Amino acid sequence: MCQTLLESERHLHVIVTARNFVQGTTQKSERSKIKEIVMDDMFVNNLRKALAILAPIDALIVKYESDKVPISEVMPNFHNLSEEYKKVMSSNIITRQEFEYLVVLAQRHFQFMYGVAHDLLYLFDPQHIGDGLPADSRSSLEEVLINSHVDDVMPIDNDCKEKLYIQFTVYFISATKERQANSFHYQMLSKGSKTVL
């Protein structure tokens, strides 16, 4: 919608400056507000700013319309929003204050929908294997993992925890090697031919 308004800006200007746009109508106050907005010197700049702010969000909306996107992508995508807005700020489209506001807003929305599953899947996804997670977050996730019930019957004891931790360590080493070697399996995963599962 913003793009359409921007492309039609000259036509809008002609419409709102026409003699009968405000006069001779029962919607004088509404039309006066519209005229004021369109005639404002910042109208075009505000549309461009809105488009620059919405572009990274739109890209994520399009991405997540697919049911094939793994949950492990959610965390890095939300964190990457701040990088996208940093680019918009360095292009002088938004101010530092607007940048900080957008970053806080993105973090709030992520926290609203966040669950431990997002972090665990980020830790397990061979494409990420927990890249960039702070040591304390990684450690607490490993605790969640080793304290998870394998099934409804088997109790969690130290033997079970040890087995889970060893399995996780073997998996982590294996996934790291696959990624570093850019193996055939890893390439299939990166291309989307093979699922994370």
Protein backbone atom coordinates (compact mmCIF):
# COMPACT_ATOMS: atom_id res chain seq x y z
CA MET A 1 0.00 0.00 0.00
CA CYS A 2 2.83 2.42 0.87
CA GLN A 3 4.56 1.59 -2.41
CA THR A 4 1.33 2.30 -4.33
CA LEU A 5 0.93 5.63 -2.52
CA LEU A 6 4.52 6.56 -3.32
CA GLU A 7 4.10 5.68 -6.99
CA SER A 8 0.83 7.68 -7.10
CA GLU A 9 2.15 10.68 -5.15
CA ARG A 10 1.87 13.13 -8.09
CA HIS A 11 -1.68 12.02 -8.85
CA LEU A 12 -2.64 12.32 -5.18
CA HIS A 13 -1.22 15.83 -5.11
CA VAL A 14 -3.34 16.80 -8.13
CA ILE A 15 -6.48 15.28 -6.55
CA VAL A 16 -6.13 17.00 -3.16
CA THR A 17 -5.32 20.40 -4.69
CA ALA A 18 -8.40 20.33 -6.92
CA ARG A 19 -10.91 23.08 -6.05
CA ASN A 20 -13.76 20.67 -5.26
CA PHE A 21 -11.74 18.19 -3.13
CA VAL A 22 -12.67 19.84 0.17
CA GLN A 23 -15.44 22.23 -0.90
CA GLY A 24 -18.86 20.94 -1.81
CA THR A 25 -18.62 17.76 0.27
CA THR A 26 -20.03 16.66 3.62
CA GLN A 27 -16.64 15.16 4.59
CA LYS A 28 -14.78 18.46 4.86
CA SER A 29 -12.83 17.65 8.05
CA GLU A 30 -11.70 14.21 6.82
CA ARG A 31 -10.74 15.55 3.40
CA SER A 32 -8.91 18.49 4.98
CA LYS A 33 -6.82 16.04 7.02
CA ILE A 34 -6.04 14.00 3.89
CA LYS A 35 -5.05 17.16 2.02
CA GLU A 36 -2.84 18.25 4.91
CA ILE A 37 -1.06 14.86 4.95
CA VAL A 38 -0.49 14.73 1.18
CA MET A 39 0.60 18.38 0.98
CA ASP A 40 3.07 18.00 3.87
CA ASP A 41 6.70 18.44 2.76
CA MET A 42 7.58 15.17 4.56
CA PHE A 43 4.86 13.07 2.86
CA VAL A 44 7.19 11.41 0.33
CA ASN A 45 10.03 11.04 2.84
CA ASN A 46 7.66 9.44 5.36
CA LEU A 47 6.46 6.96 2.75
CA ARG A 48 10.06 6.06 1.86
CA LYS A 49 10.87 5.68 5.55
CA ALA A 50 7.81 3.46 6.10
CA LEU A 51 8.84 1.26 3.17
CA ALA A 52 12.41 0.95 4.47
CA ILE A 53 11.13 -0.01 7.94
CA LEU A 54 8.57 -2.50 6.61
CA ALA A 55 10.86 -4.18 4.04
CA PRO A 56 12.67 -6.54 6.51
CA ILE A 57 9.37 -7.39 8.21
CA ASP A 58 7.71 -8.07 4.86
CA ALA A 59 10.60 -10.39 3.89
CA LEU A 60 10.04 -12.40 7.09
CA ILE A 61 6.27 -12.53 6.56
CA VAL A 62 6.83 -13.92 3.06
CA LYS A 63 9.41 -16.41 4.38
CA TYR A 64 7.16 -17.71 7.15
CA GLU A 65 4.16 -18.14 4.88
CA SER A 66 5.82 -21.43 3.93
CA ASP A 67 5.24 -24.34 6.28
CA LYS A 68 8.72 -25.67 5.41
CA VAL A 69 10.66 -23.07 7.39
CA PRO A 70 12.12 -24.69 10.52
CA ILE A 71 11.43 -23.12 13.92
CA SER A 72 15.20 -22.87 14.41
CA GLU A 73 15.18 -19.94 11.96
CA VAL A 74 12.96 -17.77 14.17
CA MET A 75 15.63 -16.69 16.66
CA PRO A 76 18.33 -15.68 14.16
CA ASN A 77 15.75 -13.98 11.94
CA PHE A 78 14.46 -11.81 14.79
CA HIS A 79 18.00 -10.99 15.92
CA ASN A 80 18.93 -10.11 12.35
CA LEU A 81 16.21 -7.44 12.29
CA SER A 82 18.50 -5.13 14.28
CA GLU A 83 21.19 -5.56 11.57
CA GLU A 84 18.64 -4.74 8.87
CA TYR A 85 17.58 -1.60 10.73
CA LYS A 86 21.22 -0.64 11.26
CA LYS A 87 21.59 -0.62 7.45
CA VAL A 88 18.50 1.59 7.17
CA MET A 89 19.98 3.94 9.78
CA SER A 90 23.37 4.09 8.04
CA SER A 91 21.52 5.08 4.85
CA ASN A 92 20.18 8.07 6.84
CA ILE A 93 16.58 6.95 6.36
CA ILE A 94 15.92 6.61 10.09
CA THR A 95 17.52 8.32 13.09
CA ARG A 96 19.46 6.62 15.88
CA GLN A 97 16.44 7.09 18.18
CA GLU A 98 14.11 5.46 15.64
CA PHE A 99 16.62 2.63 15.18
CA GLU A 100 16.75 1.97 18.94
CA TYR A 101 12.95 2.05 19.13
CA LEU A 102 12.61 -0.49 16.29
CA VAL A 103 15.17 -2.83 17.88
CA VAL A 104 13.35 -2.73 21.23
CA LEU A 105 10.03 -3.31 19.46
CA ALA A 106 11.42 -6.36 17.60
CA GLN A 107 12.83 -7.75 20.86
CA ARG A 108 9.47 -7.29 22.59
CA HIS A 109 7.64 -9.14 19.84
CA PHE A 110 10.19 -11.96 19.96
CA GLN A 111 9.85 -12.26 23.76
CA PHE A 112 6.05 -12.32 23.39
CA MET A 113 6.16 -15.40 21.14
CA TYR A 114 9.37 -16.95 22.50
CA GLY A 115 9.55 -20.42 23.99
CA VAL A 116 12.50 -22.62 25.03
CA ALA A 117 11.75 -24.71 21.92
CA HIS A 118 13.09 -21.86 19.74
CA ASP A 119 16.46 -21.97 21.51
CA LEU A 120 16.62 -25.78 21.66
CA LEU A 121 15.88 -26.11 17.96
CA TYR A 122 18.46 -23.41 17.20
CA LEU A 123 20.95 -25.44 19.24
CA PHE A 124 20.08 -28.66 17.39
CA ASP A 125 19.83 -27.30 13.84
CA PRO A 126 23.05 -28.40 12.04
CA GLN A 127 23.10 -25.10 10.16
CA HIS A 128 23.32 -23.11 13.41
CA ILE A 129 24.32 -25.52 16.22
CA GLY A 130 23.81 -22.70 18.68
CA ASP A 131 26.07 -20.12 16.97
CA GLY A 132 26.32 -16.91 18.95
CA LEU A 133 24.49 -18.18 22.02
CA PRO A 134 26.07 -16.79 25.20
CA ALA A 135 27.83 -19.47 27.28
CA ASP A 136 25.32 -19.17 30.14
CA SER A 137 22.34 -19.54 27.76
CA ARG A 138 23.94 -22.54 26.10
CA SER A 139 24.67 -24.11 29.49
CA SER A 140 21.09 -23.61 30.70
CA LEU A 141 19.74 -25.10 27.45
CA GLU A 142 21.95 -28.15 27.92
CA GLU A 143 20.50 -28.46 31.43
CA VAL A 144 16.97 -28.35 29.99
CA LEU A 145 17.99 -31.03 27.50
CA ILE A 146 19.58 -33.46 29.94
CA ASN A 147 16.70 -33.03 32.39
CA SER A 148 14.09 -33.83 29.74
CA HIS A 149 12.09 -37.03 30.02
CA VAL A 150 12.88 -39.52 27.27
CA ASP A 151 9.43 -41.00 27.69
CA ASP A 152 6.63 -41.25 30.26
CA VAL A 153 8.00 -44.45 31.80
CA MET A 154 11.72 -43.93 32.26
CA PRO A 155 12.65 -41.76 35.27
CA ILE A 156 15.39 -39.12 34.96
CA ASP A 157 18.45 -40.31 36.83
CA ASN A 158 22.15 -39.55 36.50
CA ASP A 159 22.67 -42.51 34.15
CA CYS A 160 19.95 -41.20 31.82
CA LYS A 161 21.37 -37.67 31.98
CA GLU A 162 24.83 -38.96 31.15
CA LYS A 163 23.55 -40.87 28.11
CA LEU A 164 21.67 -37.81 26.84
CA TYR A 165 24.70 -35.57 27.33
CA ILE A 166 27.00 -38.01 25.52
CA GLN A 167 24.52 -38.29 22.63
CA PHE A 168 24.29 -34.51 22.41
CA THR A 169 28.09 -34.13 22.46
CA VAL A 170 28.54 -36.75 19.71
CA TYR A 171 25.81 -35.07 17.66
CA PHE A 172 27.33 -31.61 18.14
CA ILE A 173 30.81 -32.79 17.07
CA SER A 174 29.38 -34.63 14.06
CA ALA A 175 27.20 -31.67 12.96
CA THR A 176 30.16 -29.28 13.34
CA LYS A 177 32.36 -31.51 11.15
CA GLU A 178 29.63 -31.77 8.48
CA ARG A 179 29.28 -28.00 8.41
CA GLN A 180 33.03 -27.30 8.34
CA ALA A 181 33.56 -29.83 5.54
CA ASN A 182 30.50 -28.49 3.68
CA SER A 183 29.60 -32.13 3.14
CA PHE A 184 26.99 -33.37 0.69
CA HIS A 185 24.50 -33.82 3.56
CA TYR A 186 25.14 -30.29 4.78
CA GLN A 187 24.73 -28.87 1.26
CA MET A 188 21.40 -30.69 0.86
CA LEU A 189 20.28 -29.16 4.15
CA SER A 190 21.43 -25.63 3.14
CA LYS A 191 19.59 -25.87 -0.18
CA GLY A 192 16.44 -27.05 1.55
CA SER A 193 16.44 -30.44 -0.22
CA LYS A 194 16.83 -32.12 3.17
CA THR A 195 14.95 -31.04 6.27
CA VAL A 196 16.54 -30.25 9.62
CA LEU A 197 14.63 -33.18 11.10
